[in-house]
Structure formats: C-alpha cells, structure tokens
Amino acid sequence: RRFAHRIATPRYKMFYCIGFIICLLLTQIEWFGRIYGILP
C-alpha cells in the first residue's frame, strides 16, 4: 500500500505471478513425494 509505485508495478506483478506458480509446483512435489514415498 505505502510503496505501490515501487513494488506493485506490472513488472513486479508478473514476478509475483511466476513465483506463485513455481511455489504451487513445489507444494505438489511435497505432497506427492510424501504420499508415495518418493522423497525423504
């Protein structure tokens, strides 16, 4: 809110979107890896 002109620009919004997608993939890796014993 206070510095929207610095960290809420279209470029940053795209960065947040990409980061969010990558993190969701990590949650899937964590879930399926734990359920099926693929990952320690």
PDB file of all heavy atoms in Angstrom:
ATOM      1  N   ARG A   1       0.822  -1.206   0.000  1.00  0.00           N
ATOM      2  CA  ARG A   1       0.000   0.000   0.000  1.00  0.00           C
ATOM      3  C   ARG A   1       0.867   1.271   0.000  1.00  0.00           C
ATOM      4  O   ARG A   1       0.665   2.170  -0.810  1.00  0.00           O
ATOM      5  CB  ARG A   1      -0.906  -0.001   1.243  1.00  0.00           C
ATOM      6  CG  ARG A   1      -1.672   1.298   1.472  1.00  0.00           C
ATOM      7  CD  ARG A   1      -2.584   1.634   0.300  1.00  0.00           C
ATOM      8  NE  ARG A   1      -3.179   2.951   0.459  1.00  0.00           N
ATOM      9  CZ  ARG A   1      -3.892   3.559  -0.472  1.00  0.00           C
ATOM     10  NH1 ARG A   1      -4.103   2.965  -1.628  1.00  0.00           N
ATOM     11  NH2 ARG A   1      -4.400   4.756  -0.264  1.00  0.00           N
ATOM     12  N   ARG A   2       1.855   1.307   0.863  1.00  0.00           N
ATOM     13  CA  ARG A   2       2.636   2.524   1.066  1.00  0.00           C
ATOM     14  C   ARG A   2       3.577   2.805  -0.104  1.00  0.00           C
ATOM     15  O   ARG A   2       3.842   3.963  -0.428  1.00  0.00           O
ATOM     16  CB  ARG A   2       3.421   2.389   2.374  1.00  0.00           C
ATOM     17  CG  ARG A   2       4.001   3.674   2.912  1.00  0.00           C
ATOM     18  CD  ARG A   2       4.589   3.441   4.306  1.00  0.00           C
ATOM     19  NE  ARG A   2       3.545   3.299   5.323  1.00  0.00           N
ATOM     20  CZ  ARG A   2       3.777   3.036   6.605  1.00  0.00           C
ATOM     21  NH1 ARG A   2       5.034   2.874   7.020  1.00  0.00           N
ATOM     22  NH2 ARG A   2       2.782   2.924   7.458  1.00  0.00           N
ATOM     23  N   PHE A   3       4.068   1.753  -0.735  1.00  0.00           N
ATOM     24  CA  PHE A   3       5.041   1.912  -1.824  1.00  0.00           C
ATOM     25  C   PHE A   3       4.585   1.147  -3.062  1.00  0.00           C
ATOM     26  O   PHE A   3       5.378   0.481  -3.725  1.00  0.00           O
ATOM     27  CB  PHE A   3       6.426   1.438  -1.375  1.00  0.00           C
ATOM     28  CG  PHE A   3       6.895   2.086  -0.105  1.00  0.00           C
ATOM     29  CD1 PHE A   3       6.932   1.362   1.077  1.00  0.00           C
ATOM     30  CD2 PHE A   3       7.264   3.415  -0.079  1.00  0.00           C
ATOM     31  CE1 PHE A   3       7.354   1.954   2.252  1.00  0.00           C
ATOM     32  CE2 PHE A   3       7.677   4.024   1.099  1.00  0.00           C
ATOM     33  CZ  PHE A   3       7.717   3.295   2.277  1.00  0.00           C
ATOM     34  N   ALA A   4       3.304   1.264  -3.372  1.00  0.00           N
ATOM     35  CA  ALA A   4       2.745   0.554  -4.518  1.00  0.00           C
ATOM     36  C   ALA A   4       3.453   0.944  -5.811  1.00  0.00           C
ATOM     37  O   ALA A   4       3.602   0.123  -6.722  1.00  0.00           O
ATOM     38  CB  ALA A   4       1.248   0.841  -4.631  1.00  0.00           C
ATOM     39  N   HIS A   5       3.913   2.175  -5.888  1.00  0.00           N
ATOM     40  CA  HIS A   5       4.586   2.631  -7.103  1.00  0.00           C
ATOM     41  C   HIS A   5       5.939   1.953  -7.302  1.00  0.00           C
ATOM     42  O   HIS A   5       6.507   2.004  -8.396  1.00  0.00           O
ATOM     43  CB  HIS A   5       4.791   4.138  -7.046  1.00  0.00           C
ATOM     44  CG  HIS A   5       5.659   4.601  -5.908  1.00  0.00           C
ATOM     45  ND1 HIS A   5       5.241   4.546  -4.599  1.00  0.00           N
ATOM     46  CD2 HIS A   5       6.928   5.097  -5.896  1.00  0.00           C
ATOM     47  CE1 HIS A   5       6.206   5.007  -3.811  1.00  0.00           C
ATOM     48  NE2 HIS A   5       7.238   5.345  -4.567  1.00  0.00           N
ATOM     49  N   ARG A   6       6.421   1.274  -6.251  1.00  0.00           N
ATOM     50  CA  ARG A   6       7.715   0.602  -6.348  1.00  0.00           C
ATOM     51  C   ARG A   6       7.583  -0.918  -6.456  1.00  0.00           C
ATOM     52  O   ARG A   6       8.341  -1.556  -7.183  1.00  0.00           O
ATOM     53  CB  ARG A   6       8.576   0.933  -5.102  1.00  0.00           C
ATOM     54  CG  ARG A   6       8.914   2.411  -4.946  1.00  0.00           C
ATOM     55  CD  ARG A   6       9.907   2.870  -5.999  1.00  0.00           C
ATOM     56  NE  ARG A   6      11.195   2.197  -5.864  1.00  0.00           N
ATOM     57  CZ  ARG A   6      12.194   2.629  -5.094  1.00  0.00           C
ATOM     58  NH1 ARG A   6      12.045   3.736  -4.371  1.00  0.00           N
ATOM     59  NH2 ARG A   6      13.341   1.994  -5.044  1.00  0.00           N
ATOM     60  N   ILE A   7       6.643  -1.497  -5.720  1.00  0.00           N
ATOM     61  CA  ILE A   7       6.570  -2.969  -5.666  1.00  0.00           C
ATOM     62  C   ILE A   7       5.218  -3.523  -6.118  1.00  0.00           C
ATOM     63  O   ILE A   7       4.951  -4.708  -5.929  1.00  0.00           O
ATOM     64  CB  ILE A   7       6.887  -3.484  -4.245  1.00  0.00           C
ATOM     65  CG1 ILE A   7       5.895  -2.917  -3.219  1.00  0.00           C
ATOM     66  CG2 ILE A   7       8.309  -3.173  -3.859  1.00  0.00           C
ATOM     67  CD1 ILE A   7       6.079  -3.521  -1.831  1.00  0.00           C
ATOM     68  N   ALA A   8       4.388  -2.694  -6.710  1.00  0.00           N
ATOM     69  CA  ALA A   8       3.113  -3.177  -7.252  1.00  0.00           C
ATOM     70  C   ALA A   8       2.966  -2.752  -8.707  1.00  0.00           C
ATOM     71  O   ALA A   8       1.863  -2.555  -9.203  1.00  0.00           O
ATOM     72  CB  ALA A   8       1.937  -2.676  -6.420  1.00  0.00           C
ATOM     73  N   THR A   9       4.096  -2.616  -9.386  1.00  0.00           N
ATOM     74  CA  THR A   9       4.096  -2.260 -10.798  1.00  0.00           C
ATOM     75  C   THR A   9       3.795  -3.512 -11.633  1.00  0.00           C
ATOM     76  O   THR A   9       3.892  -4.640 -11.142  1.00  0.00           O
ATOM     77  CB  THR A   9       5.468  -1.696 -11.195  1.00  0.00           C
ATOM     78  OG1 THR A   9       6.467  -2.708 -10.972  1.00  0.00           O
ATOM     79  CG2 THR A   9       5.819  -0.464 -10.355  1.00  0.00           C
ATOM     80  N   PRO A  10       3.421  -3.335 -12.911  1.00  0.00           N
ATOM     81  CA  PRO A  10       3.140  -4.512 -13.756  1.00  0.00           C
ATOM     82  C   PRO A  10       4.297  -5.514 -13.796  1.00  0.00           C
ATOM     83  O   PRO A  10       4.062  -6.732 -13.813  1.00  0.00           O
ATOM     84  CB  PRO A  10       2.890  -3.892 -15.134  1.00  0.00           C
ATOM     85  CG  PRO A  10       2.335  -2.528 -14.827  1.00  0.00           C
ATOM     86  CD  PRO A  10       3.078  -2.077 -13.600  1.00  0.00           C
ATOM     87  N   ARG A  11       5.529  -5.025 -13.808  1.00  0.00           N
ATOM     88  CA  ARG A  11       6.673  -5.941 -13.834  1.00  0.00           C
ATOM     89  C   ARG A  11       6.717  -6.793 -12.574  1.00  0.00           C
ATOM     90  O   ARG A  11       6.931  -8.012 -12.641  1.00  0.00           O
ATOM     91  CB  ARG A  11       7.970  -5.155 -13.987  1.00  0.00           C
ATOM     92  CG  ARG A  11       9.215  -6.035 -14.010  1.00  0.00           C
ATOM     93  CD  ARG A  11      10.475  -5.200 -14.116  1.00  0.00           C
ATOM     94  NE  ARG A  11      10.484  -4.387 -15.322  1.00  0.00           N
ATOM     95  CZ  ARG A  11      11.464  -3.530 -15.627  1.00  0.00           C
ATOM     96  NH1 ARG A  11      12.492  -3.368 -14.809  1.00  0.00           N
ATOM     97  NH2 ARG A  11      11.411  -2.837 -16.746  1.00  0.00           N
ATOM     98  N   TYR A  12       6.498  -6.156 -11.434  1.00  0.00           N
ATOM     99  CA  TYR A  12       6.512  -6.895 -10.180  1.00  0.00           C
ATOM    100  C   TYR A  12       5.330  -7.858 -10.099  1.00  0.00           C
ATOM    101  O   TYR A  12       5.449  -8.968  -9.569  1.00  0.00           O
ATOM    102  CB  TYR A  12       6.495  -5.938  -8.992  1.00  0.00           C
ATOM    103  CG  TYR A  12       7.861  -5.514  -8.537  1.00  0.00           C
ATOM    104  CD1 TYR A  12       8.417  -4.311  -8.969  1.00  0.00           C
ATOM    105  CD2 TYR A  12       8.620  -6.307  -7.685  1.00  0.00           C
ATOM    106  CE1 TYR A  12       9.684  -3.914  -8.569  1.00  0.00           C
ATOM    107  CE2 TYR A  12       9.883  -5.917  -7.269  1.00  0.00           C
ATOM    108  CZ  TYR A  12      10.411  -4.719  -7.717  1.00  0.00           C
ATOM    109  OH  TYR A  12      11.663  -4.327  -7.312  1.00  0.00           O
ATOM    110  N   LYS A  13       4.187  -7.435 -10.615  1.00  0.00           N
ATOM    111  CA  LYS A  13       3.020  -8.308 -10.588  1.00  0.00           C
ATOM    112  C   LYS A  13       3.277  -9.589 -11.385  1.00  0.00           C
ATOM    113  O   LYS A  13       2.859 -10.675 -10.988  1.00  0.00           O
ATOM    114  CB  LYS A  13       1.793  -7.571 -11.132  1.00  0.00           C
ATOM    115  CG  LYS A  13       1.303  -6.444 -10.224  1.00  0.00           C
ATOM    116  CD  LYS A  13       0.135  -5.715 -10.846  1.00  0.00           C
ATOM    117  CE  LYS A  13      -0.316  -4.543  -9.970  1.00  0.00           C
ATOM    118  NZ  LYS A  13      -1.449  -3.794 -10.572  1.00  0.00           N
ATOM    119  N   MET A  14       3.953  -9.463 -12.517  1.00  0.00           N
ATOM    120  CA  MET A  14       4.315 -10.641 -13.293  1.00  0.00           C
ATOM    121  C   MET A  14       5.281 -11.529 -12.513  1.00  0.00           C
ATOM    122  O   MET A  14       5.173 -12.757 -12.523  1.00  0.00           O
ATOM    123  CB  MET A  14       4.944 -10.213 -14.615  1.00  0.00           C
ATOM    124  CG  MET A  14       5.353 -11.382 -15.518  1.00  0.00           C
ATOM    125  SD  MET A  14       3.945 -12.430 -15.983  1.00  0.00           S
ATOM    126  CE  MET A  14       3.016 -11.269 -17.005  1.00  0.00           C
ATOM    127  N   PHE A  15       6.208 -10.899 -11.803  1.00  0.00           N
ATOM    128  CA  PHE A  15       7.155 -11.645 -10.968  1.00  0.00           C
ATOM    129  C   PHE A  15       6.416 -12.420  -9.880  1.00  0.00           C
ATOM    130  O   PHE A  15       6.703 -13.592  -9.638  1.00  0.00           O
ATOM    131  CB  PHE A  15       8.154 -10.671 -10.350  1.00  0.00           C
ATOM    132  CG  PHE A  15       9.034 -11.275  -9.291  1.00  0.00           C
ATOM    133  CD1 PHE A  15      10.009 -12.199  -9.615  1.00  0.00           C
ATOM    134  CD2 PHE A  15       8.877 -10.909  -7.962  1.00  0.00           C
ATOM    135  CE1 PHE A  15      10.824 -12.758  -8.639  1.00  0.00           C
ATOM    136  CE2 PHE A  15       9.686 -11.456  -6.977  1.00  0.00           C
ATOM    137  CZ  PHE A  15      10.660 -12.380  -7.327  1.00  0.00           C
ATOM    138  N   TYR A  16       5.437 -11.778  -9.244  1.00  0.00           N
ATOM    139  CA  TYR A  16       4.667 -12.454  -8.199  1.00  0.00           C
ATOM    140  C   TYR A  16       3.886 -13.629  -8.784  1.00  0.00           C
ATOM    141  O   TYR A  16       3.789 -14.698  -8.164  1.00  0.00           O
ATOM    142  CB  TYR A  16       3.690 -11.495  -7.531  1.00  0.00           C
ATOM    143  CG  TYR A  16       4.336 -10.288  -6.900  1.00  0.00           C
ATOM    144  CD1 TYR A  16       3.732  -9.028  -6.970  1.00  0.00           C
ATOM    145  CD2 TYR A  16       5.553 -10.388  -6.240  1.00  0.00           C
ATOM    146  CE1 TYR A  16       4.317  -7.921  -6.393  1.00  0.00           C
ATOM    147  CE2 TYR A  16       6.154  -9.280  -5.672  1.00  0.00           C
ATOM    148  CZ  TYR A  16       5.533  -8.038  -5.754  1.00  0.00           C
ATOM    149  OH  TYR A  16       6.132  -6.940  -5.195  1.00  0.00           O
ATOM    150  N   CYS A  17       3.331 -13.443  -9.978  1.00  0.00           N
ATOM    151  CA  CYS A  17       2.547 -14.498 -10.616  1.00  0.00           C
ATOM    152  C   CYS A  17       3.424 -15.713 -10.926  1.00  0.00           C
ATOM    153  O   CYS A  17       3.050 -16.847 -10.623  1.00  0.00           O
ATOM    154  CB  CYS A  17       1.904 -13.958 -11.896  1.00  0.00           C
ATOM    155  SG  CYS A  17       0.914 -15.180 -12.781  1.00  0.00           S
ATOM    156  N   ILE A  18       4.591 -15.471 -11.506  1.00  0.00           N
ATOM    157  CA  ILE A  18       5.502 -16.567 -11.837  1.00  0.00           C
ATOM    158  C   ILE A  18       5.966 -17.269 -10.564  1.00  0.00           C
ATOM    159  O   ILE A  18       6.010 -18.502 -10.490  1.00  0.00           O
ATOM    160  CB  ILE A  18       6.705 -16.038 -12.639  1.00  0.00           C
ATOM    161  CG1 ILE A  18       6.236 -15.519 -14.004  1.00  0.00           C
ATOM    162  CG2 ILE A  18       7.759 -17.134 -12.809  1.00  0.00           C
ATOM    163  CD1 ILE A  18       7.316 -14.834 -14.797  1.00  0.00           C
ATOM    164  N   GLY A  19       6.312 -16.479  -9.552  1.00  0.00           N
ATOM    165  CA  GLY A  19       6.739 -17.060  -8.282  1.00  0.00           C
ATOM    166  C   GLY A  19       5.641 -17.899  -7.650  1.00  0.00           C
ATOM    167  O   GLY A  19       5.907 -18.966  -7.083  1.00  0.00           O
ATOM    168  N   PHE A  20       4.410 -17.420  -7.733  1.00  0.00           N
ATOM    169  CA  PHE A  20       3.275 -18.144  -7.172  1.00  0.00           C
ATOM    170  C   PHE A  20       3.104 -19.496  -7.861  1.00  0.00           C
ATOM    171  O   PHE A  20       2.900 -20.534  -7.216  1.00  0.00           O
ATOM    172  CB  PHE A  20       2.012 -17.291  -7.329  1.00  0.00           C
ATOM    173  CG  PHE A  20       0.762 -17.916  -6.784  1.00  0.00           C
ATOM    174  CD1 PHE A  20       0.774 -18.582  -5.563  1.00  0.00           C
ATOM    175  CD2 PHE A  20      -0.422 -17.834  -7.479  1.00  0.00           C
ATOM    176  CE1 PHE A  20      -0.387 -19.150  -5.055  1.00  0.00           C
ATOM    177  CE2 PHE A  20      -1.586 -18.396  -6.991  1.00  0.00           C
ATOM    178  CZ  PHE A  20      -1.566 -19.063  -5.770  1.00  0.00           C
ATOM    179  N   ILE A  21       3.212 -19.508  -9.195  1.00  0.00           N
ATOM    180  CA  ILE A  21       3.076 -20.756  -9.949  1.00  0.00           C
ATOM    181  C   ILE A  21       4.181 -21.737  -9.575  1.00  0.00           C
ATOM    182  O   ILE A  21       3.930 -22.937  -9.359  1.00  0.00           O
ATOM    183  CB  ILE A  21       3.091 -20.466 -11.464  1.00  0.00           C
ATOM    184  CG1 ILE A  21       1.842 -19.676 -11.855  1.00  0.00           C
ATOM    185  CG2 ILE A  21       3.175 -21.769 -12.257  1.00  0.00           C
ATOM    186  CD1 ILE A  21       1.847 -19.182 -13.284  1.00  0.00           C
ATOM    187  N   ILE A  22       5.415 -21.251  -9.484  1.00  0.00           N
ATOM    188  CA  ILE A  22       6.533 -22.116  -9.104  1.00  0.00           C
ATOM    189  C   ILE A  22       6.317 -22.699  -7.716  1.00  0.00           C
ATOM    190  O   ILE A  22       6.553 -23.892  -7.473  1.00  0.00           O
ATOM    191  CB  ILE A  22       7.863 -21.338  -9.162  1.00  0.00           C
ATOM    192  CG1 ILE A  22       8.200 -20.963 -10.612  1.00  0.00           C
ATOM    193  CG2 ILE A  22       9.005 -22.146  -8.545  1.00  0.00           C
ATOM    194  CD1 ILE A  22       9.404 -20.077 -10.751  1.00  0.00           C
ATOM    195  N   CYS A  23       5.841 -21.863  -6.792  1.00  0.00           N
ATOM    196  CA  CYS A  23       5.626 -22.328  -5.424  1.00  0.00           C
ATOM    197  C   CYS A  23       4.506 -23.362  -5.360  1.00  0.00           C
ATOM    198  O   CYS A  23       4.574 -24.317  -4.577  1.00  0.00           O
ATOM    199  CB  CYS A  23       5.309 -21.147  -4.518  1.00  0.00           C
ATOM    200  SG  CYS A  23       6.737 -20.097  -4.180  1.00  0.00           S
ATOM    201  N   LEU A  24       3.466 -23.186  -6.178  1.00  0.00           N
ATOM    202  CA  LEU A  24       2.408 -24.190  -6.220  1.00  0.00           C
ATOM    203  C   LEU A  24       2.949 -25.532  -6.716  1.00  0.00           C
ATOM    204  O   LEU A  24       2.551 -26.595  -6.231  1.00  0.00           O
ATOM    205  CB  LEU A  24       1.264 -23.720  -7.124  1.00  0.00           C
ATOM    206  CG  LEU A  24       0.357 -22.625  -6.567  1.00  0.00           C
ATOM    207  CD1 LEU A  24      -0.730 -22.283  -7.571  1.00  0.00           C
ATOM    208  CD2 LEU A  24      -0.272 -23.049  -5.249  1.00  0.00           C
ATOM    209  N   LEU A  25       3.870 -25.474  -7.670  1.00  0.00           N
ATOM    210  CA  LEU A  25       4.502 -26.705  -8.135  1.00  0.00           C
ATOM    211  C   LEU A  25       5.288 -27.365  -7.008  1.00  0.00           C
ATOM    212  O   LEU A  25       5.300 -28.591  -6.865  1.00  0.00           O
ATOM    213  CB  LEU A  25       5.411 -26.408  -9.324  1.00  0.00           C
ATOM    214  CG  LEU A  25       4.705 -25.999 -10.620  1.00  0.00           C
ATOM    215  CD1 LEU A  25       5.738 -25.630 -11.690  1.00  0.00           C
ATOM    216  CD2 LEU A  25       3.802 -27.106 -11.120  1.00  0.00           C
ATOM    217  N   LEU A  26       5.942 -26.557  -6.179  1.00  0.00           N
ATOM    218  CA  LEU A  26       6.685 -27.104  -5.047  1.00  0.00           C
ATOM    219  C   LEU A  26       5.757 -27.794  -4.062  1.00  0.00           C
ATOM    220  O   LEU A  26       6.095 -28.832  -3.494  1.00  0.00           O
ATOM    221  CB  LEU A  26       7.468 -25.995  -4.342  1.00  0.00           C
ATOM    222  CG  LEU A  26       8.672 -25.427  -5.081  1.00  0.00           C
ATOM    223  CD1 LEU A  26       9.292 -24.273  -4.290  1.00  0.00           C
ATOM    224  CD2 LEU A  26       9.718 -26.507  -5.325  1.00  0.00           C
ATOM    225  N   THR A  27       4.576 -27.226  -3.848  1.00  0.00           N
ATOM    226  CA  THR A  27       3.625 -27.865  -2.934  1.00  0.00           C
ATOM    227  C   THR A  27       3.164 -29.214  -3.489  1.00  0.00           C
ATOM    228  O   THR A  27       2.927 -30.150  -2.726  1.00  0.00           O
ATOM    229  CB  THR A  27       2.402 -26.972  -2.670  1.00  0.00           C
ATOM    230  OG1 THR A  27       1.655 -26.787  -3.886  1.00  0.00           O
ATOM    231  CG2 THR A  27       2.822 -25.606  -2.143  1.00  0.00           C
ATOM    232  N   GLN A  28       3.034 -29.296  -4.826  1.00  0.00           N
ATOM    233  CA  GLN A  28       2.650 -30.572  -5.425  1.00  0.00           C
ATOM    234  C   GLN A  28       3.766 -31.607  -5.249  1.00  0.00           C
ATOM    235  O   GLN A  28       3.504 -32.779  -4.953  1.00  0.00           O
ATOM    236  CB  GLN A  28       2.346 -30.389  -6.916  1.00  0.00           C
ATOM    237  CG  GLN A  28       1.275 -29.369  -7.223  1.00  0.00           C
ATOM    238  CD  GLN A  28      -0.022 -29.639  -6.494  1.00  0.00           C
ATOM    239  OE1 GLN A  28      -0.629 -30.687  -6.667  1.00  0.00           O
ATOM    240  NE2 GLN A  28      -0.455 -28.700  -5.672  1.00  0.00           N
ATOM    241  N   ILE A  29       5.013 -31.157  -5.430  1.00  0.00           N
ATOM    242  CA  ILE A  29       6.154 -32.051  -5.240  1.00  0.00           C
ATOM    243  C   ILE A  29       6.190 -32.565  -3.805  1.00  0.00           C
ATOM    244  O   ILE A  29       6.393 -33.753  -3.546  1.00  0.00           O
ATOM    245  CB  ILE A  29       7.472 -31.323  -5.590  1.00  0.00           C
ATOM    246  CG1 ILE A  29       7.523 -31.026  -7.096  1.00  0.00           C
ATOM    247  CG2 ILE A  29       8.681 -32.157  -5.170  1.00  0.00           C
ATOM    248  CD1 ILE A  29       8.688 -30.152  -7.497  1.00  0.00           C
ATOM    249  N   GLU A  30       5.970 -31.653  -2.864  1.00  0.00           N
ATOM    250  CA  GLU A  30       5.989 -32.033  -1.458  1.00  0.00           C
ATOM    251  C   GLU A  30       4.878 -33.025  -1.160  1.00  0.00           C
ATOM    252  O   GLU A  30       5.084 -34.027  -0.466  1.00  0.00           O
ATOM    253  CB  GLU A  30       5.853 -30.788  -0.583  1.00  0.00           C
ATOM    254  CG  GLU A  30       6.024 -31.024   0.906  1.00  0.00           C
ATOM    255  CD  GLU A  30       4.752 -31.528   1.570  1.00  0.00           C
ATOM    256  OE1 GLU A  30       3.648 -31.129   1.141  1.00  0.00           O
ATOM    257  OE2 GLU A  30       4.866 -32.321   2.525  1.00  0.00           O
ATOM    258  N   TRP A  31       3.682 -32.777  -1.689  1.00  0.00           N
ATOM    259  CA  TRP A  31       2.529 -33.632  -1.407  1.00  0.00           C
ATOM    260  C   TRP A  31       2.721 -35.040  -1.970  1.00  0.00           C
ATOM    261  O   TRP A  31       2.671 -36.026  -1.237  1.00  0.00           O
ATOM    262  CB  TRP A  31       1.268 -33.002  -1.995  1.00  0.00           C
ATOM    263  CG  TRP A  31       0.110 -33.943  -2.066  1.00  0.00           C
ATOM    264  CD1 TRP A  31      -0.291 -34.669  -3.153  1.00  0.00           C
ATOM    265  CD2 TRP A  31      -0.787 -34.303  -1.011  1.00  0.00           C
ATOM    266  NE1 TRP A  31      -1.384 -35.437  -2.859  1.00  0.00           N
ATOM    267  CE2 TRP A  31      -1.716 -35.240  -1.546  1.00  0.00           C
ATOM    268  CE3 TRP A  31      -0.905 -33.923   0.309  1.00  0.00           C
ATOM    269  CZ2 TRP A  31      -2.727 -35.792  -0.792  1.00  0.00           C
ATOM    270  CZ3 TRP A  31      -1.928 -34.476   1.073  1.00  0.00           C
ATOM    271  CH2 TRP A  31      -2.823 -35.391   0.525  1.00  0.00           C
ATOM    272  N   PHE A  32       2.940 -35.127  -3.274  1.00  0.00           N
ATOM    273  CA  PHE A  32       3.033 -36.438  -3.906  1.00  0.00           C
ATOM    274  C   PHE A  32       4.300 -37.181  -3.485  1.00  0.00           C
ATOM    275  O   PHE A  32       4.299 -38.409  -3.368  1.00  0.00           O
ATOM    276  CB  PHE A  32       2.976 -36.298  -5.426  1.00  0.00           C
ATOM    277  CG  PHE A  32       1.619 -35.918  -5.931  1.00  0.00           C
ATOM    278  CD1 PHE A  32       1.362 -34.638  -6.381  1.00  0.00           C
ATOM    279  CD2 PHE A  32       0.578 -36.847  -5.930  1.00  0.00           C
ATOM    280  CE1 PHE A  32       0.105 -34.279  -6.842  1.00  0.00           C
ATOM    281  CE2 PHE A  32      -0.684 -36.505  -6.387  1.00  0.00           C
ATOM    282  CZ  PHE A  32      -0.930 -35.217  -6.849  1.00  0.00           C
ATOM    283  N   GLY A  33       5.376 -36.434  -3.254  1.00  0.00           N
ATOM    284  CA  GLY A  33       6.594 -37.067  -2.789  1.00  0.00           C
ATOM    285  C   GLY A  33       6.431 -37.708  -1.430  1.00  0.00           C
ATOM    286  O   GLY A  33       6.968 -38.791  -1.158  1.00  0.00           O
ATOM    287  N   ARG A  34       5.643 -37.058  -0.558  1.00  0.00           N
ATOM    288  CA  ARG A  34       5.427 -37.597   0.789  1.00  0.00           C
ATOM    289  C   ARG A  34       4.429 -38.748   0.768  1.00  0.00           C
ATOM    290  O   ARG A  34       4.610 -39.766   1.434  1.00  0.00           O
ATOM    291  CB  ARG A  34       4.942 -36.484   1.712  1.00  0.00           C
ATOM    292  CG  ARG A  34       4.666 -36.918   3.143  1.00  0.00           C
ATOM    293  CD  ARG A  34       4.473 -35.705   4.044  1.00  0.00           C
ATOM    294  NE  ARG A  34       3.471 -34.804   3.521  1.00  0.00           N
ATOM    295  CZ  ARG A  34       2.162 -34.937   3.737  1.00  0.00           C
ATOM    296  NH1 ARG A  34       1.705 -35.973   4.435  1.00  0.00           N
ATOM    297  NH2 ARG A  34       1.308 -34.060   3.248  1.00  0.00           N
ATOM    298  N   ILE A  35       3.347 -38.589  -0.008  1.00  0.00           N
ATOM    299  CA  ILE A  35       2.302 -39.614  -0.042  1.00  0.00           C
ATOM    300  C   ILE A  35       2.818 -40.918  -0.641  1.00  0.00           C
ATOM    301  O   ILE A  35       2.525 -42.012  -0.144  1.00  0.00           O
ATOM    302  CB  ILE A  35       1.076 -39.108  -0.826  1.00  0.00           C
ATOM    303  CG1 ILE A  35       0.385 -37.971  -0.047  1.00  0.00           C
ATOM    304  CG2 ILE A  35       0.092 -40.243  -1.081  1.00  0.00           C
ATOM    305  CD1 ILE A  35      -0.132 -38.374   1.316  1.00  0.00           C
ATOM    306  N   TYR A  36       3.608 -40.816  -1.699  1.00  0.00           N
ATOM    307  CA  TYR A  36       4.065 -42.018  -2.392  1.00  0.00           C
ATOM    308  C   TYR A  36       5.481 -42.432  -2.003  1.00  0.00           C
ATOM    309  O   TYR A  36       6.037 -43.373  -2.585  1.00  0.00           O
ATOM    310  CB  TYR A  36       3.984 -41.808  -3.900  1.00  0.00           C
ATOM    311  CG  TYR A  36       2.563 -41.654  -4.394  1.00  0.00           C
ATOM    312  CD1 TYR A  36       2.068 -40.411  -4.769  1.00  0.00           C
ATOM    313  CD2 TYR A  36       1.704 -42.747  -4.455  1.00  0.00           C
ATOM    314  CE1 TYR A  36       0.758 -40.251  -5.204  1.00  0.00           C
ATOM    315  CE2 TYR A  36       0.395 -42.608  -4.890  1.00  0.00           C
ATOM    316  CZ  TYR A  36      -0.074 -41.354  -5.266  1.00  0.00           C
ATOM    317  OH  TYR A  36      -1.375 -41.209  -5.687  1.00  0.00           O
ATOM    318  N   GLY A  37       6.049 -41.760  -1.023  1.00  0.00           N
ATOM    319  CA  GLY A  37       7.358 -42.147  -0.527  1.00  0.00           C
ATOM    320  C   GLY A  37       8.480 -41.938  -1.521  1.00  0.00           C
ATOM    321  O   GLY A  37       9.532 -42.577  -1.435  1.00  0.00           O
ATOM    322  N   ILE A  38       8.287 -41.027  -2.470  1.00  0.00           N
ATOM    323  CA  ILE A  38       9.310 -40.768  -3.477  1.00  0.00           C
ATOM    324  C   ILE A  38      10.451 -39.947  -2.895  1.00  0.00           C
ATOM    325  O   ILE A  38      11.625 -40.156  -3.220  1.00  0.00           O
ATOM    326  CB  ILE A  38       8.694 -40.034  -4.691  1.00  0.00           C
ATOM    327  CG1 ILE A  38       7.578 -40.879  -5.299  1.00  0.00           C
ATOM    328  CG2 ILE A  38       9.762 -39.713  -5.729  1.00  0.00           C
ATOM    329  CD1 ILE A  38       6.797 -40.154  -6.379  1.00  0.00           C
ATOM    330  N   LEU A  39      10.087 -39.011  -2.034  1.00  0.00           N
ATOM    331  CA  LEU A  39      11.074 -38.115  -1.444  1.00  0.00           C
ATOM    332  C   LEU A  39      11.229 -38.427   0.040  1.00  0.00           C
ATOM    333  O   LEU A  39      10.274 -38.856   0.694  1.00  0.00           O
ATOM    334  CB  LEU A  39      10.639 -36.653  -1.623  1.00  0.00           C
ATOM    335  CG  LEU A  39      10.482 -36.166  -3.069  1.00  0.00           C
ATOM    336  CD1 LEU A  39       9.920 -34.753  -3.091  1.00  0.00           C
ATOM    337  CD2 LEU A  39      11.819 -36.212  -3.801  1.00  0.00           C
ATOM    338  N   PRO A  40      12.412 -38.193   0.592  1.00  0.00           N
ATOM    339  CA  PRO A  40      12.609 -38.411   2.030  1.00  0.00           C
ATOM    340  C   PRO A  40      11.812 -37.407   2.848  1.00  0.00           C
ATOM    341  O   PRO A  40      11.425 -36.340   2.351  1.00  0.00           O
ATOM    342  CB  PRO A  40      14.112 -38.210   2.218  1.00  0.00           C
ATOM    343  CG  PRO A  40      14.520 -37.334   1.079  1.00  0.00           C
ATOM    344  CD  PRO A  40      13.644 -37.725  -0.079  1.00  0.00           C
TER     345      PRO A  40
END
